[in-house]
Amino acid sequence: MRRRFMVFVLLVVVVLTGYVVGCASASGQPHMNVALDELRAAKSELDSANADKGGHRVKAVSLVDEAIAEVEAGIEYARSH
C-alpha cells in the first residue's frame, strides 16, 4: 500500500508541474483537462478505498482536492489571459 501511496504522490507532483506549464502556455489546455479528469478519477478511487491506512488515505484525498483546485484555477487563469 505504501508503494501505491508514493505513486499517487508522484501523480500529484506531475499534475502540479503540468499546472505551472499550463499557466505559462494557453496551448496546455487539453493537457490540463486530461489531468483534471485523471485527478477526479483518482479521487473517486480513494473515496472507494476501505479503511484509512493510518491517515494516509485521508491525506491523499486532501492533496487530490488541492490539486484539482489548482488545475481548475490554472485553466481559468489561462482562459482569462
PDB file of N, CA and C in Angstrom:
ATOM      1  N   MET A   1       0.823  -1.192   0.000  1.00  0.00           N
ATOM      2  CA  MET A   1       0.000   0.000   0.000  1.00  0.00           C
ATOM      3  C   MET A   1       0.865   1.252   0.000  1.00  0.00           C
ATOM      4  N   ARG A   2       2.027   1.189   0.660  1.00  0.00           N
ATOM      5  CA  ARG A   2       2.916   2.352   0.696  1.00  0.00           C
ATOM      6  C   ARG A   2       3.390   2.711  -0.708  1.00  0.00           C
ATOM      7  N   ARG A   3       3.678   1.696  -1.518  1.00  0.00           N
ATOM      8  CA  ARG A   3       4.114   1.955  -2.893  1.00  0.00           C
ATOM      9  C   ARG A   3       3.009   2.659  -3.667  1.00  0.00           C
ATOM     10  N   ARG A   4       1.794   2.235  -3.477  1.00  0.00           N
ATOM     11  CA  ARG A   4       0.658   2.838  -4.160  1.00  0.00           C
ATOM     12  C   ARG A   4       0.503   4.303  -3.759  1.00  0.00           C
ATOM     13  N   PHE A   5       0.700   4.592  -2.484  1.00  0.00           N
ATOM     14  CA  PHE A   5       0.611   5.968  -1.993  1.00  0.00           C
ATOM     15  C   PHE A   5       1.712   6.814  -2.616  1.00  0.00           C
ATOM     16  N   MET A   6       2.914   6.270  -2.721  1.00  0.00           N
ATOM     17  CA  MET A   6       4.025   7.013  -3.309  1.00  0.00           C
ATOM     18  C   MET A   6       3.776   7.285  -4.791  1.00  0.00           C
ATOM     19  N   VAL A   7       3.199   6.315  -5.501  1.00  0.00           N
ATOM     20  CA  VAL A   7       2.850   6.519  -6.906  1.00  0.00           C
ATOM     21  C   VAL A   7       1.811   7.631  -7.012  1.00  0.00           C
ATOM     22  N   PHE A   8       0.877   7.634  -6.101  1.00  0.00           N
ATOM     23  CA  PHE A   8      -0.146   8.663  -6.108  1.00  0.00           C
ATOM     24  C   PHE A   8       0.457  10.043  -5.853  1.00  0.00           C
ATOM     25  N   VAL A   9       1.356  10.146  -4.894  1.00  0.00           N
ATOM     26  CA  VAL A   9       2.017  11.417  -4.609  1.00  0.00           C
ATOM     27  C   VAL A   9       2.791  11.873  -5.843  1.00  0.00           C
ATOM     28  N   LEU A  10       3.445  10.959  -6.528  1.00  0.00           N
ATOM     29  CA  LEU A  10       4.156  11.302  -7.753  1.00  0.00           C
ATOM     30  C   LEU A  10       3.181  11.844  -8.795  1.00  0.00           C
ATOM     31  N   LEU A  11       2.012  11.249  -8.908  1.00  0.00           N
ATOM     32  CA  LEU A  11       0.989  11.736  -9.838  1.00  0.00           C
ATOM     33  C   LEU A  11       0.608  13.173  -9.507  1.00  0.00           C
ATOM     34  N   VAL A  12       0.427  13.463  -8.234  1.00  0.00           N
ATOM     35  CA  VAL A  12       0.074  14.822  -7.819  1.00  0.00           C
ATOM     36  C   VAL A  12       1.178  15.796  -8.203  1.00  0.00           C
ATOM     37  N   VAL A  13       2.418  15.413  -7.988  1.00  0.00           N
ATOM     38  CA  VAL A  13       3.546  16.282  -8.349  1.00  0.00           C
ATOM     39  C   VAL A  13       3.559  16.525  -9.854  1.00  0.00           C
ATOM     40  N   VAL A  14       3.336  15.482 -10.635  1.00  0.00           N
ATOM     41  CA  VAL A  14       3.314  15.624 -12.093  1.00  0.00           C
ATOM     42  C   VAL A  14       2.191  16.557 -12.518  1.00  0.00           C
ATOM     43  N   VAL A  15       1.031  16.410 -11.920  1.00  0.00           N
ATOM     44  CA  VAL A  15      -0.100  17.264 -12.274  1.00  0.00           C
ATOM     45  C   VAL A  15       0.169  18.711 -11.899  1.00  0.00           C
ATOM     46  N   LEU A  16       0.735  18.938 -10.733  1.00  0.00           N
ATOM     47  CA  LEU A  16       1.055  20.311 -10.337  1.00  0.00           C
ATOM     48  C   LEU A  16       2.099  20.915 -11.257  1.00  0.00           C
ATOM     49  N   THR A  17       3.039  20.110 -11.712  1.00  0.00           N
ATOM     50  CA  THR A  17       4.004  20.592 -12.690  1.00  0.00           C
ATOM     51  C   THR A  17       3.284  20.964 -13.984  1.00  0.00           C
ATOM     52  N   GLY A  18       2.323  20.150 -14.366  1.00  0.00           N
ATOM     53  CA  GLY A  18       1.503  20.460 -15.540  1.00  0.00           C
ATOM     54  C   GLY A  18       0.740  21.755 -15.364  1.00  0.00           C
ATOM     55  N   TYR A  19       0.322  22.027 -14.165  1.00  0.00           N
ATOM     56  CA  TYR A  19      -0.367  23.282 -13.866  1.00  0.00           C
ATOM     57  C   TYR A  19       0.539  24.470 -14.151  1.00  0.00           C
ATOM     58  N   VAL A  20       1.764  24.400 -13.684  1.00  0.00           N
ATOM     59  CA  VAL A  20       2.711  25.501 -13.903  1.00  0.00           C
ATOM     60  C   VAL A  20       2.974  25.670 -15.398  1.00  0.00           C
ATOM     61  N   VAL A  21       3.194  24.578 -16.098  1.00  0.00           N
ATOM     62  CA  VAL A  21       3.427  24.651 -17.538  1.00  0.00           C
ATOM     63  C   VAL A  21       2.180  25.172 -18.245  1.00  0.00           C
ATOM     64  N   GLY A  22       1.020  24.743 -17.807  1.00  0.00           N
ATOM     65  CA  GLY A  22      -0.233  25.207 -18.405  1.00  0.00           C
ATOM     66  C   GLY A  22      -0.446  26.690 -18.226  1.00  0.00           C
ATOM     67  N   CYS A  23      -0.030  27.224 -17.090  1.00  0.00           N
ATOM     68  CA  CYS A  23      -0.140  28.668 -16.868  1.00  0.00           C
ATOM     69  C   CYS A  23       0.790  29.435 -17.801  1.00  0.00           C
ATOM     70  N   ALA A  24       1.915  28.848 -18.110  1.00  0.00           N
ATOM     71  CA  ALA A  24       2.884  29.524 -18.969  1.00  0.00           C
ATOM     72  C   ALA A  24       2.445  29.522 -20.426  1.00  0.00           C
ATOM     73  N   SER A  25       1.591  28.586 -20.788  1.00  0.00           N
ATOM     74  CA  SER A  25       1.177  28.477 -22.175  1.00  0.00           C
ATOM     75  C   SER A  25      -0.291  28.083 -22.262  1.00  0.00           C
ATOM     76  N   ALA A  26      -1.084  28.913 -22.918  1.00  0.00           N
ATOM     77  CA  ALA A  26      -2.514  28.614 -23.057  1.00  0.00           C
ATOM     78  C   ALA A  26      -2.745  27.369 -23.897  1.00  0.00           C
ATOM     79  N   SER A  27      -1.747  26.974 -24.701  1.00  0.00           N
ATOM     80  CA  SER A  27      -1.905  25.775 -25.522  1.00  0.00           C
ATOM     81  C   SER A  27      -1.920  24.505 -24.678  1.00  0.00           C
ATOM     82  N   GLY A  28      -1.667  24.603 -23.375  1.00  0.00           N
ATOM     83  CA  GLY A  28      -1.666  23.455 -22.487  1.00  0.00           C
ATOM     84  C   GLY A  28      -3.046  23.037 -22.025  1.00  0.00           C
ATOM     85  N   GLN A  29      -4.081  23.687 -22.492  1.00  0.00           N
ATOM     86  CA  GLN A  29      -5.421  23.376 -22.015  1.00  0.00           C
ATOM     87  C   GLN A  29      -5.837  21.920 -22.196  1.00  0.00           C
ATOM     88  N   PRO A  30      -5.590  21.290 -23.336  1.00  0.00           N
ATOM     89  CA  PRO A  30      -6.001  19.883 -23.452  1.00  0.00           C
ATOM     90  C   PRO A  30      -5.342  19.008 -22.386  1.00  0.00           C
ATOM     91  N   HIS A  31      -4.099  19.287 -22.094  1.00  0.00           N
ATOM     92  CA  HIS A  31      -3.389  18.504 -21.084  1.00  0.00           C
ATOM     93  C   HIS A  31      -3.939  18.795 -19.691  1.00  0.00           C
ATOM     94  N   MET A  32      -4.273  20.039 -19.459  1.00  0.00           N
ATOM     95  CA  MET A  32      -4.847  20.415 -18.160  1.00  0.00           C
ATOM     96  C   MET A  32      -6.195  19.708 -17.964  1.00  0.00           C
ATOM     97  N   ASN A  33      -6.989  19.650 -19.018  1.00  0.00           N
ATOM     98  CA  ASN A  33      -8.292  18.985 -18.913  1.00  0.00           C
ATOM     99  C   ASN A  33      -8.141  17.493 -18.681  1.00  0.00           C
ATOM    100  N   VAL A  34      -7.167  16.877 -19.347  1.00  0.00           N
ATOM    101  CA  VAL A  34      -6.906  15.454 -19.116  1.00  0.00           C
ATOM    102  C   VAL A  34      -6.438  15.242 -17.679  1.00  0.00           C
ATOM    103  N   ALA A  35      -5.538  16.103 -17.211  1.00  0.00           N
ATOM    104  CA  ALA A  35      -5.050  15.992 -15.836  1.00  0.00           C
ATOM    105  C   ALA A  35      -6.204  16.117 -14.847  1.00  0.00           C
ATOM    106  N   LEU A  36      -7.109  17.050 -15.116  1.00  0.00           N
ATOM    107  CA  LEU A  36      -8.268  17.244 -14.240  1.00  0.00           C
ATOM    108  C   LEU A  36      -9.128  15.984 -14.208  1.00  0.00           C
ATOM    109  N   ASP A  37      -9.363  15.392 -15.354  1.00  0.00           N
ATOM    110  CA  ASP A  37     -10.132  14.138 -15.412  1.00  0.00           C
ATOM    111  C   ASP A  37      -9.436  13.026 -14.620  1.00  0.00           C
ATOM    112  N   GLU A  38      -8.126  12.934 -14.769  1.00  0.00           N
ATOM    113  CA  GLU A  38      -7.374  11.895 -14.063  1.00  0.00           C
ATOM    114  C   GLU A  38      -7.401  12.111 -12.552  1.00  0.00           C
ATOM    115  N   LEU A  39      -7.295  13.362 -12.138  1.00  0.00           N
ATOM    116  CA  LEU A  39      -7.369  13.655 -10.702  1.00  0.00           C
ATOM    117  C   LEU A  39      -8.738  13.301 -10.143  1.00  0.00           C
ATOM    118  N   ARG A  40      -9.769  13.613 -10.879  1.00  0.00           N
ATOM    119  CA  ARG A  40     -11.126  13.261 -10.425  1.00  0.00           C
ATOM    120  C   ARG A  40     -11.296  11.748 -10.336  1.00  0.00           C
ATOM    121  N   ALA A  41     -10.708  11.025 -11.282  1.00  0.00           N
ATOM    122  CA  ALA A  41     -10.763   9.561 -11.228  1.00  0.00           C
ATOM    123  C   ALA A  41      -9.989   9.040 -10.020  1.00  0.00           C
ATOM    124  N   ALA A  42      -8.824   9.636  -9.753  1.00  0.00           N
ATOM    125  CA  ALA A  42      -8.031   9.228  -8.589  1.00  0.00           C
ATOM    126  C   ALA A  42      -8.800   9.480  -7.301  1.00  0.00           C
ATOM    127  N   LYS A  43      -9.480  10.623  -7.223  1.00  0.00           N
ATOM    128  CA  LYS A  43     -10.273  10.939  -6.026  1.00  0.00           C
ATOM    129  C   LYS A  43     -11.380   9.914  -5.838  1.00  0.00           C
ATOM    130  N   SER A  44     -12.009   9.533  -6.926  1.00  0.00           N
ATOM    131  CA  SER A  44     -13.069   8.530  -6.851  1.00  0.00           C
ATOM    132  C   SER A  44     -12.531   7.203  -6.322  1.00  0.00           C
ATOM    133  N   GLU A  45     -11.365   6.806  -6.787  1.00  0.00           N
ATOM    134  CA  GLU A  45     -10.750   5.566  -6.304  1.00  0.00           C
ATOM    135  C   GLU A  45     -10.406   5.663  -4.822  1.00  0.00           C
ATOM    136  N   LEU A  46      -9.861   6.784  -4.410  1.00  0.00           N
ATOM    137  CA  LEU A  46      -9.530   6.974  -2.990  1.00  0.00           C
ATOM    138  C   LEU A  46     -10.791   6.961  -2.134  1.00  0.00           C
ATOM    139  N   ASP A  47     -11.845   7.595  -2.619  1.00  0.00           N
ATOM    140  CA  ASP A  47     -13.103   7.608  -1.870  1.00  0.00           C
ATOM    141  C   ASP A  47     -13.676   6.204  -1.725  1.00  0.00           C
ATOM    142  N   SER A  48     -13.405   5.345  -2.711  1.00  0.00           N
ATOM    143  CA  SER A  48     -13.920   3.976  -2.683  1.00  0.00           C
ATOM    144  C   SER A  48     -13.061   3.029  -1.853  1.00  0.00           C
ATOM    145  N   ALA A  49     -11.854   3.445  -1.540  1.00  0.00           N
ATOM    146  CA  ALA A  49     -10.939   2.579  -0.779  1.00  0.00           C
ATOM    147  C   ALA A  49     -11.478   2.356   0.632  1.00  0.00           C
ATOM    148  N   ASN A  50     -11.242   1.155   1.157  1.00  0.00           N
ATOM    149  CA  ASN A  50     -11.690   0.876   2.511  1.00  0.00           C
ATOM    150  C   ASN A  50     -10.606   1.239   3.514  1.00  0.00           C
ATOM    151  N   ALA A  51     -11.016   1.506   4.697  1.00  0.00           N
ATOM    152  CA  ALA A  51     -10.137   1.863   5.819  1.00  0.00           C
ATOM    153  C   ALA A  51      -9.338   3.132   5.535  1.00  0.00           C
ATOM    154  N   ASP A  52      -8.623   3.582   6.530  1.00  0.00           N
ATOM    155  CA  ASP A  52      -7.943   4.876   6.441  1.00  0.00           C
ATOM    156  C   ASP A  52      -6.460   4.760   6.135  1.00  0.00           C
ATOM    157  N   LYS A  53      -5.870   3.597   6.305  1.00  0.00           N
ATOM    158  CA  LYS A  53      -4.445   3.390   6.046  1.00  0.00           C
ATOM    159  C   LYS A  53      -3.579   4.319   6.890  1.00  0.00           C
ATOM    160  N   GLY A  54      -3.885   4.427   8.156  1.00  0.00           N
ATOM    161  CA  GLY A  54      -3.079   5.227   9.069  1.00  0.00           C
ATOM    162  C   GLY A  54      -3.115   6.713   8.777  1.00  0.00           C
ATOM    163  N   GLY A  55      -4.189   7.193   8.205  1.00  0.00           N
ATOM    164  CA  GLY A  55      -4.319   8.612   7.896  1.00  0.00           C
ATOM    165  C   GLY A  55      -3.822   8.984   6.511  1.00  0.00           C
ATOM    166  N   HIS A  56      -3.173   8.059   5.817  1.00  0.00           N
ATOM    167  CA  HIS A  56      -2.603   8.357   4.505  1.00  0.00           C
ATOM    168  C   HIS A  56      -3.670   8.539   3.432  1.00  0.00           C
ATOM    169  N   ARG A  57      -4.745   7.748   3.499  1.00  0.00           N
ATOM    170  CA  ARG A  57      -5.807   7.897   2.507  1.00  0.00           C
ATOM    171  C   ARG A  57      -6.456   9.271   2.642  1.00  0.00           C
ATOM    172  N   VAL A  58      -6.734   9.677   3.869  1.00  0.00           N
ATOM    173  CA  VAL A  58      -7.347  10.982   4.101  1.00  0.00           C
ATOM    174  C   VAL A  58      -6.423  12.096   3.608  1.00  0.00           C
ATOM    175  N   LYS A  59      -5.138  11.966   3.877  1.00  0.00           N
ATOM    176  CA  LYS A  59      -4.159  12.950   3.416  1.00  0.00           C
ATOM    177  C   LYS A  59      -4.112  12.977   1.890  1.00  0.00           C
ATOM    178  N   ALA A  60      -4.140  11.815   1.267  1.00  0.00           N
ATOM    179  CA  ALA A  60      -4.123  11.733  -0.189  1.00  0.00           C
ATOM    180  C   ALA A  60      -5.361  12.403  -0.788  1.00  0.00           C
ATOM    181  N   VAL A  61      -6.523  12.176  -0.181  1.00  0.00           N
ATOM    182  CA  VAL A  61      -7.749  12.825  -0.657  1.00  0.00           C
ATOM    183  C   VAL A  61      -7.598  14.337  -0.571  1.00  0.00           C
ATOM    184  N   SER A  62      -7.042  14.807   0.518  1.00  0.00           N
ATOM    185  CA  SER A  62      -6.830  16.240   0.697  1.00  0.00           C
ATOM    186  C   SER A  62      -5.882  16.799  -0.374  1.00  0.00           C
ATOM    187  N   LEU A  63      -4.808  16.081  -0.645  1.00  0.00           N
ATOM    188  CA  LEU A  63      -3.859  16.519  -1.669  1.00  0.00           C
ATOM    189  C   LEU A  63      -4.505  16.535  -3.059  1.00  0.00           C
ATOM    190  N   VAL A  64      -5.321  15.535  -3.349  1.00  0.00           N
ATOM    191  CA  VAL A  64      -6.006  15.496  -4.640  1.00  0.00           C
ATOM    192  C   VAL A  64      -6.989  16.656  -4.744  1.00  0.00           C
ATOM    193  N   ASP A  65      -7.710  16.932  -3.677  1.00  0.00           N
ATOM    194  CA  ASP A  65      -8.630  18.073  -3.687  1.00  0.00           C
ATOM    195  C   ASP A  65      -7.876  19.372  -3.981  1.00  0.00           C
ATOM    196  N   GLU A  66      -6.711  19.526  -3.351  1.00  0.00           N
ATOM    197  CA  GLU A  66      -5.891  20.719  -3.601  1.00  0.00           C
ATOM    198  C   GLU A  66      -5.417  20.755  -5.052  1.00  0.00           C
ATOM    199  N   ALA A  67      -4.981  19.624  -5.565  1.00  0.00           N
ATOM    200  CA  ALA A  67      -4.508  19.565  -6.950  1.00  0.00           C
ATOM    201  C   ALA A  67      -5.632  19.883  -7.931  1.00  0.00           C
ATOM    202  N   ILE A  68      -6.832  19.359  -7.672  1.00  0.00           N
ATOM    203  CA  ILE A  68      -7.983  19.661  -8.524  1.00  0.00           C
ATOM    204  C   ILE A  68      -8.250  21.162  -8.531  1.00  0.00           C
ATOM    205  N   ALA A  69      -8.242  21.770  -7.361  1.00  0.00           N
ATOM    206  CA  ALA A  69      -8.486  23.212  -7.269  1.00  0.00           C
ATOM    207  C   ALA A  69      -7.416  24.004  -8.024  1.00  0.00           C
ATOM    208  N   GLU A  70      -6.163  23.577  -7.919  1.00  0.00           N
ATOM    209  CA  GLU A  70      -5.083  24.279  -8.617  1.00  0.00           C
ATOM    210  C   GLU A  70      -5.200  24.137 -10.127  1.00  0.00           C
ATOM    211  N   VAL A  71      -5.523  22.954 -10.596  1.00  0.00           N
ATOM    212  CA  VAL A  71      -5.678  22.749 -12.038  1.00  0.00           C
ATOM    213  C   VAL A  71      -6.859  23.571 -12.548  1.00  0.00           C
ATOM    214  N   GLU A  72      -7.961  23.571 -11.821  1.00  0.00           N
ATOM    215  CA  GLU A  72      -9.112  24.386 -12.224  1.00  0.00           C
ATOM    216  C   GLU A  72      -8.740  25.866 -12.261  1.00  0.00           C
ATOM    217  N   ALA A  73      -7.985  26.322 -11.269  1.00  0.00           N
ATOM    218  CA  ALA A  73      -7.543  27.716 -11.240  1.00  0.00           C
ATOM    219  C   ALA A  73      -6.624  28.012 -12.424  1.00  0.00           C
ATOM    220  N   GLY A  74      -5.758  27.080 -12.767  1.00  0.00           N
ATOM    221  CA  GLY A  74      -4.871  27.261 -13.911  1.00  0.00           C
ATOM    222  C   GLY A  74      -5.641  27.356 -15.217  1.00  0.00           C
ATOM    223  N   ILE A  75      -6.651  26.517 -15.377  1.00  0.00           N
ATOM    224  CA  ILE A  75      -7.485  26.555 -16.573  1.00  0.00           C
ATOM    225  C   ILE A  75      -8.207  27.901 -16.652  1.00  0.00           C
ATOM    226  N   GLU A  76      -8.759  28.326 -15.551  1.00  0.00           N
ATOM    227  CA  GLU A  76      -9.475  29.610 -15.521  1.00  0.00           C
ATOM    228  C   GLU A  76      -8.518  30.774 -15.801  1.00  0.00           C
ATOM    229  N   TYR A  77      -7.335  30.717 -15.238  1.00  0.00           N
ATOM    230  CA  TYR A  77      -6.342  31.771 -15.470  1.00  0.00           C
ATOM    231  C   TYR A  77      -6.004  31.855 -16.951  1.00  0.00           C
ATOM    232  N   ALA A  78      -5.752  30.697 -17.575  1.00  0.00           N
ATOM    233  CA  ALA A  78      -5.403  30.678 -18.992  1.00  0.00           C
ATOM    234  C   ALA A  78      -6.546  31.218 -19.868  1.00  0.00           C
ATOM    235  N   ARG A  79      -7.768  30.947 -19.456  1.00  0.00           N
ATOM    236  CA  ARG A  79      -8.921  31.455 -20.210  1.00  0.00           C
ATOM    237  C   ARG A  79      -9.012  32.970 -20.140  1.00  0.00           C
ATOM    238  N   SER A  80      -8.655  33.540 -19.003  1.00  0.00           N
ATOM    239  CA  SER A  80      -8.836  34.978 -18.805  1.00  0.00           C
ATOM    240  C   SER A  80      -7.639  35.805 -19.263  1.00  0.00           C
ATOM    241  N   HIS A  81      -6.553  35.153 -19.667  1.00  0.00           N
ATOM    242  CA  HIS A  81      -5.363  35.916 -20.095  1.00  0.00           C
ATOM    243  C   HIS A  81      -4.972  35.588 -21.509  1.00  0.00           C
TER     244      HIS A  81
END
